[in-house]
N, C-alpha and C. Protein backbone atom coordinates (compact mmCIF):
# COMPACT_ATOMS: atom_id res chain seq x y z
N MET A 1 28.88 -16.67 -12.07
CA MET A 1 27.34 -16.50 -11.10
C MET A 1 26.39 -16.09 -11.94
N TYR A 2 26.42 -15.26 -12.54
CA TYR A 2 25.65 -13.72 -13.51
C TYR A 2 24.92 -15.25 -14.30
N ARG A 3 25.98 -15.43 -14.45
CA ARG A 3 25.57 -16.72 -16.07
C ARG A 3 24.28 -17.81 -15.72
N ILE A 4 24.66 -18.27 -14.05
CA ILE A 4 23.71 -19.12 -13.68
C ILE A 4 22.35 -18.74 -13.69
N PHE A 5 22.49 -17.54 -12.76
CA PHE A 5 20.87 -16.69 -12.21
C PHE A 5 20.62 -16.64 -13.45
N MET A 6 21.13 -15.55 -15.01
CA MET A 6 20.39 -15.24 -16.21
C MET A 6 19.71 -17.06 -16.51
N LEU A 7 20.45 -17.68 -16.54
CA LEU A 7 19.77 -19.58 -17.60
C LEU A 7 18.51 -19.35 -16.08
N SER A 8 19.06 -19.47 -14.88
CA SER A 8 18.06 -19.47 -13.78
C SER A 8 16.82 -18.64 -14.26
N LEU A 9 16.94 -17.94 -14.47
CA LEU A 9 15.68 -16.70 -14.61
C LEU A 9 15.03 -16.74 -16.10
N ALA A 10 16.02 -17.19 -17.45
CA ALA A 10 15.38 -17.35 -18.62
C ALA A 10 14.58 -18.87 -18.57
N THR A 11 15.05 -19.73 -17.90
CA THR A 11 14.20 -21.24 -17.87
C THR A 11 12.88 -21.07 -16.70
N LEU A 12 12.79 -20.30 -15.97
CA LEU A 12 11.73 -19.95 -15.18
C LEU A 12 11.06 -19.02 -15.88
N VAL A 13 11.05 -18.00 -17.04
CA VAL A 13 10.45 -16.68 -17.43
C VAL A 13 9.58 -17.64 -19.04
N LEU A 14 10.73 -18.31 -19.69
CA LEU A 14 10.15 -19.23 -20.82
C LEU A 14 9.30 -20.38 -20.20
N GLY A 15 10.15 -21.18 -19.47
CA GLY A 15 9.03 -22.03 -18.82
C GLY A 15 7.73 -21.97 -18.12
N ALA A 16 7.26 -21.22 -17.42
CA ALA A 16 6.00 -20.80 -16.61
C ALA A 16 4.74 -20.92 -17.45
N PRO A 17 4.91 -20.64 -19.03
CA PRO A 17 3.85 -20.08 -19.92
C PRO A 17 3.47 -21.62 -20.26
N ALA A 18 4.27 -22.38 -21.11
CA ALA A 18 4.11 -24.22 -20.57
C ALA A 18 3.74 -24.57 -19.94
N THR A 19 3.82 -24.36 -18.85
CA THR A 19 3.37 -25.08 -18.01
C THR A 19 2.15 -24.60 -17.69
N ALA A 20 1.44 -23.08 -18.01
CA ALA A 20 0.42 -23.01 -17.61
C ALA A 20 -0.72 -23.13 -18.50
N GLN A 21 -0.53 -23.59 -19.62
CA GLN A 21 -0.69 -24.32 -21.17
C GLN A 21 -1.71 -25.80 -20.28
N ASN A 22 -1.40 -26.35 -19.89
CA ASN A 22 -1.24 -27.52 -19.78
C ASN A 22 -2.02 -27.94 -18.08
N THR A 23 -2.18 -27.06 -17.53
CA THR A 23 -2.64 -27.06 -16.05
C THR A 23 -4.56 -26.44 -16.25
N PRO A 24 -4.94 -27.88 -16.30
CA PRO A 24 -6.83 -27.71 -16.53
C PRO A 24 -7.47 -27.26 -15.90
N VAL A 25 -8.59 -26.18 -15.74
CA VAL A 25 -9.39 -25.11 -15.21
C VAL A 25 -10.79 -26.01 -15.00
N GLN A 26 -11.52 -26.27 -13.79
CA GLN A 26 -12.57 -26.19 -13.25
C GLN A 26 -13.77 -25.06 -13.31
N ILE A 27 -14.99 -25.12 -13.56
CA ILE A 27 -15.18 -23.78 -13.18
C ILE A 27 -16.60 -24.82 -12.69
N PHE A 28 -16.68 -23.93 -11.21
CA PHE A 28 -17.65 -24.70 -10.97
C PHE A 28 -19.62 -23.75 -10.77
N PRO A 29 -20.22 -24.38 -10.65
CA PRO A 29 -21.32 -23.33 -10.28
C PRO A 29 -21.83 -22.43 -9.42
N PRO A 30 -22.36 -21.74 -8.96
CA PRO A 30 -22.39 -20.79 -7.97
C PRO A 30 -23.00 -21.61 -7.06
N ALA A 31 -22.61 -21.20 -5.22
CA ALA A 31 -23.21 -22.00 -4.83
C ALA A 31 -24.49 -22.61 -4.26
N VAL A 32 -25.14 -20.91 -4.40
CA VAL A 32 -26.82 -20.07 -3.98
C VAL A 32 -26.71 -20.02 -5.94
N PRO A 33 -28.00 -20.64 -5.97
CA PRO A 33 -28.18 -20.00 -7.86
C PRO A 33 -29.09 -18.79 -7.91
N SER A 34 -28.65 -18.27 -9.19
CA SER A 34 -29.09 -17.20 -9.12
C SER A 34 -30.88 -16.50 -9.15
N PRO A 35 -31.08 -15.81 -8.97
CA PRO A 35 -32.27 -15.58 -8.44
C PRO A 35 -33.06 -15.39 -10.28
N GLN A 36 -34.74 -16.35 -10.37
CA GLN A 36 -35.75 -15.92 -11.31
C GLN A 36 -35.78 -14.97 -11.51
N LYS A 37 -36.83 -14.99 -12.50
CA LYS A 37 -37.98 -13.79 -12.25
C LYS A 37 -38.44 -13.81 -11.25
N GLY A 38 -38.83 -12.33 -10.92
CA GLY A 38 -39.35 -12.58 -9.83
C GLY A 38 -39.19 -12.86 -8.52
N GLU A 39 -37.91 -12.86 -8.79
CA GLU A 39 -37.40 -13.70 -7.27
C GLU A 39 -35.99 -12.39 -7.20
N ALA A 40 -35.57 -12.47 -5.59
CA ALA A 40 -34.17 -11.00 -5.69
C ALA A 40 -33.66 -12.03 -4.14
N ARG A 41 -32.60 -10.71 -4.12
CA ARG A 41 -31.47 -11.95 -3.16
C ARG A 41 -31.23 -10.85 -2.34
N VAL A 42 -31.70 -9.82 -1.02
CA VAL A 42 -32.00 -8.93 -0.45
C VAL A 42 -30.49 -9.37 0.67
N THR A 43 -29.53 -8.85 0.74
CA THR A 43 -28.44 -8.92 1.90
C THR A 43 -28.88 -7.56 2.94
N VAL A 44 -28.54 -7.92 4.59
CA VAL A 44 -28.30 -7.24 5.20
C VAL A 44 -27.36 -6.97 6.14
N ASN A 45 -26.44 -5.87 6.32
CA ASN A 45 -25.63 -6.18 7.11
C ASN A 45 -26.21 -5.75 8.77
N TYR A 46 -25.22 -6.33 9.78
CA TYR A 46 -25.70 -5.01 11.18
C TYR A 46 -23.77 -5.64 11.91
N ASN A 47 -24.08 -4.43 12.53
CA ASN A 47 -23.20 -4.02 13.60
C ASN A 47 -23.23 -3.67 15.07
N SER A 48 -22.59 -4.35 16.03
CA SER A 48 -22.29 -4.10 17.47
C SER A 48 -20.76 -4.00 17.76
N SER A 49 -20.99 -3.19 19.07
CA SER A 49 -20.08 -3.05 20.04
C SER A 49 -20.64 -3.13 21.55
N GLU A 50 -20.22 -3.57 22.61
CA GLU A 50 -20.38 -4.09 23.47
C GLU A 50 -19.35 -3.96 24.54
N LYS A 51 -18.84 -3.21 25.09
CA LYS A 51 -18.33 -2.84 26.31
C LYS A 51 -17.85 -3.80 27.65
N LEU A 52 -16.38 -4.35 28.38
CA LEU A 52 -16.60 -4.89 28.56
C LEU A 52 -15.34 -4.84 29.83
N SER A 53 -15.56 -5.79 30.86
CA SER A 53 -15.45 -5.05 31.55
C SER A 53 -13.56 -5.60 32.03
N ALA A 54 -13.17 -4.86 32.59
CA ALA A 54 -11.03 -4.61 32.58
C ALA A 54 -10.65 -6.20 32.90
N ASP A 55 -11.52 -6.28 34.04
CA ASP A 55 -11.49 -8.66 34.65
C ASP A 55 -11.94 -9.39 34.10
N ALA A 56 -12.80 -9.05 32.84
CA ALA A 56 -13.88 -10.04 32.45
C ALA A 56 -12.49 -11.23 31.66
N ASP A 57 -13.56 -12.46 32.59
CA ASP A 57 -13.19 -13.91 32.03
C ASP A 57 -13.73 -14.59 31.24
N ALA A 58 -13.38 -15.50 30.89
CA ALA A 58 -13.93 -16.15 29.28
C ALA A 58 -15.36 -16.52 29.43
N ALA A 59 -15.44 -17.04 30.69
CA ALA A 59 -16.91 -17.45 31.15
C ALA A 59 -17.83 -16.31 30.55
N THR A 60 -17.84 -14.63 31.28
CA THR A 60 -18.08 -13.45 30.58
C THR A 60 -18.63 -12.74 29.15
N LEU A 61 -17.21 -13.49 28.52
CA LEU A 61 -17.43 -13.53 26.87
C LEU A 61 -18.54 -13.85 26.94
N LEU A 62 -17.84 -15.28 27.05
CA LEU A 62 -18.83 -15.99 26.54
C LEU A 62 -20.29 -16.03 26.20
N VAL A 63 -21.17 -15.10 27.02
CA VAL A 63 -22.27 -15.07 27.59
C VAL A 63 -22.34 -14.16 27.22
N THR A 64 -21.96 -12.61 26.96
CA THR A 64 -21.76 -11.65 26.51
C THR A 64 -21.88 -11.84 24.20
N GLN A 65 -21.10 -12.62 24.21
CA GLN A 65 -21.17 -13.52 22.98
C GLN A 65 -22.81 -13.48 22.29
N SER A 66 -22.75 -14.58 23.52
CA SER A 66 -23.91 -15.47 22.87
C SER A 66 -25.25 -14.36 23.08
N LYS A 67 -25.06 -13.50 23.75
CA LYS A 67 -26.40 -12.58 23.61
C LYS A 67 -26.03 -11.86 21.92
N ALA A 68 -25.23 -11.83 21.39
CA ALA A 68 -24.82 -10.25 20.32
C ALA A 68 -25.28 -11.62 19.37
N HIS A 69 -24.97 -13.41 19.78
CA HIS A 69 -25.38 -13.65 18.56
C HIS A 69 -26.76 -13.88 18.61
N ARG A 70 -27.59 -13.76 19.50
CA ARG A 70 -29.12 -14.19 19.69
C ARG A 70 -29.73 -13.23 18.56
N ALA A 71 -28.69 -11.77 19.55
CA ALA A 71 -29.74 -10.27 18.70
C ALA A 71 -29.72 -10.68 17.17
N ILE A 72 -28.52 -11.33 16.71
CA ILE A 72 -28.25 -11.21 14.77
C ILE A 72 -29.47 -12.12 14.55
N TYR A 73 -29.82 -13.29 15.52
CA TYR A 73 -30.13 -14.51 14.92
C TYR A 73 -32.12 -13.48 14.79
N GLU A 74 -32.50 -12.59 15.77
CA GLU A 74 -33.54 -12.57 15.82
C GLU A 74 -33.83 -11.14 15.07
N ILE A 75 -32.53 -10.31 14.53
CA ILE A 75 -33.14 -9.41 13.50
C ILE A 75 -33.33 -9.72 12.60
N ALA A 76 -32.19 -10.70 11.97
CA ALA A 76 -32.46 -11.62 10.75
C ALA A 76 -34.09 -12.29 10.88
N SER A 77 -35.01 -12.90 12.02
CA SER A 77 -35.75 -12.62 11.69
C SER A 77 -36.72 -12.14 11.57
N GLN A 78 -37.05 -11.36 12.26
CA GLN A 78 -37.42 -9.57 11.92
C GLN A 78 -37.65 -9.04 10.66
N GLU A 79 -36.21 -9.60 9.99
CA GLU A 79 -36.01 -8.84 8.62
C GLU A 79 -36.99 -9.35 7.79
N CYS A 80 -36.91 -11.14 7.89
CA CYS A 80 -37.96 -11.35 6.89
C CYS A 80 -39.56 -10.84 7.39
N LYS A 81 -39.81 -10.90 8.47
CA LYS A 81 -41.22 -10.11 8.57
C LYS A 81 -41.74 -8.25 7.77
N ILE A 82 -40.24 -7.40 7.83
CA ILE A 82 -40.35 -6.71 7.01
C ILE A 82 -40.03 -6.49 5.16
N LEU A 83 -39.57 -7.73 5.15
CA LEU A 83 -40.18 -7.51 3.84
C LEU A 83 -40.85 -7.84 3.22
N LEU A 84 -41.84 -8.89 4.10
CA LEU A 84 -43.28 -10.14 3.94
C LEU A 84 -43.65 -8.39 4.06
N GLU A 85 -43.96 -7.66 4.99
CA GLU A 85 -45.16 -6.61 5.05
C GLU A 85 -44.72 -5.17 4.38
N THR A 86 -43.45 -5.94 3.08
CA THR A 86 -43.46 -4.43 2.29
C THR A 86 -43.47 -4.77 1.12
N ILE A 87 -42.52 -5.71 0.41
CA ILE A 87 -41.72 -5.76 -0.88
C ILE A 87 -42.26 -7.54 -1.28
N ALA A 88 -42.16 -8.51 0.08
CA ALA A 88 -42.12 -9.83 -1.15
C ALA A 88 -43.33 -10.62 -0.67
N SER A 89 -43.57 -11.57 -1.10
CA SER A 89 -44.99 -12.31 -0.85
C SER A 89 -44.35 -13.79 -0.82
N GLU A 90 -42.86 -14.03 -0.44
CA GLU A 90 -42.39 -15.27 -0.01
C GLU A 90 -40.71 -14.26 0.74
N CYS A 91 -40.25 -15.15 1.41
CA CYS A 91 -38.98 -15.08 2.13
C CYS A 91 -38.42 -16.46 3.03
N HIS A 92 -37.22 -16.21 2.55
CA HIS A 92 -36.58 -17.63 2.82
C HIS A 92 -34.69 -16.99 3.45
N ILE A 93 -34.43 -17.69 4.34
CA ILE A 93 -33.21 -16.98 4.85
C ILE A 93 -32.30 -17.73 4.68
N GLU A 94 -31.36 -17.08 3.73
CA GLU A 94 -30.29 -18.33 3.03
C GLU A 94 -28.81 -18.64 3.70
N THR A 95 -28.57 -17.61 4.59
CA THR A 95 -27.45 -17.03 4.94
C THR A 95 -27.36 -16.59 6.35
N ILE A 96 -27.04 -17.03 7.08
CA ILE A 96 -26.18 -15.95 8.23
C ILE A 96 -24.83 -16.14 9.27
N ASN A 97 -23.78 -14.74 8.63
CA ASN A 97 -22.79 -14.70 9.21
C ASN A 97 -22.52 -14.01 10.09
N ILE A 98 -21.70 -14.66 11.20
CA ILE A 98 -21.89 -13.85 12.66
C ILE A 98 -19.86 -13.81 12.36
N THR A 99 -19.46 -13.08 13.16
CA THR A 99 -18.00 -12.47 12.97
C THR A 99 -18.14 -12.18 14.30
N ALA A 100 -16.98 -11.87 15.19
CA ALA A 100 -17.06 -11.42 16.57
C ALA A 100 -15.06 -11.43 17.00
N ASN A 101 -15.19 -10.36 18.02
CA ASN A 101 -13.63 -10.22 17.98
C ASN A 101 -13.47 -9.51 19.38
N VAL A 102 -12.66 -9.38 20.58
CA VAL A 102 -12.76 -7.84 21.54
C VAL A 102 -10.59 -7.75 21.01
N GLN A 103 -11.40 -6.43 20.91
CA GLN A 103 -10.04 -5.40 20.85
C GLN A 103 -10.37 -4.42 21.94
N GLN A 104 -8.50 -4.49 22.42
CA GLN A 104 -8.22 -3.28 23.57
C GLN A 104 -7.45 -2.22 22.73
N ARG A 105 -8.37 -1.00 22.30
CA ARG A 105 -7.10 0.05 21.80
C ARG A 105 -6.92 0.52 23.20
N PRO A 106 -5.25 1.33 22.36
CA PRO A 106 -4.35 2.65 23.40
C PRO A 106 -4.55 3.54 22.92
N ILE A 107 -5.17 4.49 23.46
CA ILE A 107 -5.58 6.38 23.79
C ILE A 107 -4.19 6.78 24.26
N GLY A 108 -3.67 7.06 23.28
CA GLY A 108 -2.50 8.13 24.24
C GLY A 108 -1.61 7.38 24.85
N SER A 109 -1.58 7.38 26.23
CA SER A 109 -0.56 6.85 27.61
C SER A 109 -1.50 5.45 27.91
N SER A 110 -2.88 5.58 27.53
CA SER A 110 -3.39 4.76 29.21
C SER A 110 -4.24 4.03 27.14
N THR A 111 -4.79 2.36 28.34
CA THR A 111 -5.54 1.94 27.00
C THR A 111 -7.37 2.01 27.34
N THR A 112 -7.84 1.90 26.43
CA THR A 112 -9.43 1.35 26.47
C THR A 112 -9.90 -0.02 27.75
N GLU A 113 -11.23 0.37 28.34
CA GLU A 113 -11.75 -1.09 27.92
C GLU A 113 -11.49 -2.25 26.94
N PRO A 114 -11.83 -3.20 27.01
CA PRO A 114 -12.01 -4.25 26.26
C PRO A 114 -13.49 -4.15 25.30
N THR A 115 -13.17 -3.93 24.26
CA THR A 115 -14.50 -4.16 23.28
C THR A 115 -15.40 -5.19 22.87
N LEU A 116 -15.62 -5.96 22.45
CA LEU A 116 -16.21 -6.88 21.72
C LEU A 116 -17.00 -6.33 20.89
N PHE A 117 -16.68 -6.32 19.39
CA PHE A 117 -17.27 -6.06 18.35
C PHE A 117 -18.03 -7.50 17.65
N THR A 118 -18.93 -7.34 17.52
CA THR A 118 -20.00 -8.37 16.30
C THR A 118 -19.90 -7.90 15.16
N ASN A 119 -19.96 -8.28 14.06
CA ASN A 119 -20.64 -8.27 13.04
C ASN A 119 -21.74 -9.01 11.90
N GLY A 120 -22.23 -8.76 11.61
CA GLY A 120 -23.16 -10.23 11.13
C GLY A 120 -23.74 -9.52 9.85
N SER A 121 -24.18 -10.66 8.54
CA SER A 121 -25.25 -10.38 7.67
C SER A 121 -25.87 -11.24 7.31
N SER A 122 -27.07 -11.27 6.35
CA SER A 122 -28.28 -12.64 6.12
C SER A 122 -28.13 -11.99 5.11
N ALA A 123 -28.47 -13.06 4.53
CA ALA A 123 -28.84 -13.05 2.86
C ALA A 123 -30.49 -14.08 2.56
N PHE A 124 -31.23 -13.19 2.48
CA PHE A 124 -32.75 -13.79 1.59
C PHE A 124 -32.78 -13.94 1.01
N ARG A 125 -33.60 -14.57 0.23
CA ARG A 125 -34.27 -14.75 -1.34
C ARG A 125 -35.84 -14.45 -0.98
N ILE A 126 -35.78 -13.16 -1.72
CA ILE A 126 -37.65 -13.61 -1.45
C ILE A 126 -38.31 -13.36 -3.05
N LYS A 127 -39.47 -13.42 -3.05
CA LYS A 127 -40.33 -13.79 -4.05
C LYS A 127 -41.07 -12.60 -4.29
N THR A 128 -41.43 -11.48 -4.98
CA THR A 128 -41.31 -9.83 -4.87
C THR A 128 -43.01 -10.05 -5.23
N LYS A 129 -43.68 -9.19 -4.63
CA LYS A 129 -45.35 -9.18 -4.80
C LYS A 129 -45.55 -8.47 -6.57
N GLU A 130 -46.56 -9.00 -6.98
CA GLU A 130 -46.57 -8.46 -7.96
C GLU A 130 -47.91 -7.64 -8.12
């Protein structure tokens, strides 16, 4: 049994590098091109939380989540205005990412009300003022 185990282990250890050498590697360009001279990429993160009632149903959760998403979109829109007023001559939103989840955390022997946590991030490509 020991001999079979050692033979299998030796085959695995010695055979793996040979297999890895034959594996083709593909390098893909970045999905978003790098900024050119006079351009920059600005990323902004947002976090919010909203307590829900203990008896909140799916419809209530959907309405609350939609409001949180709308707030993040509005913040992203305002962010471009702020960048244009301060450091940018042009501003374009590249990406907006939003994640949301409901958590109900125990504290001692009781549990807290459920809370909707919403996180967002936006990336902007700007042309800097000269």
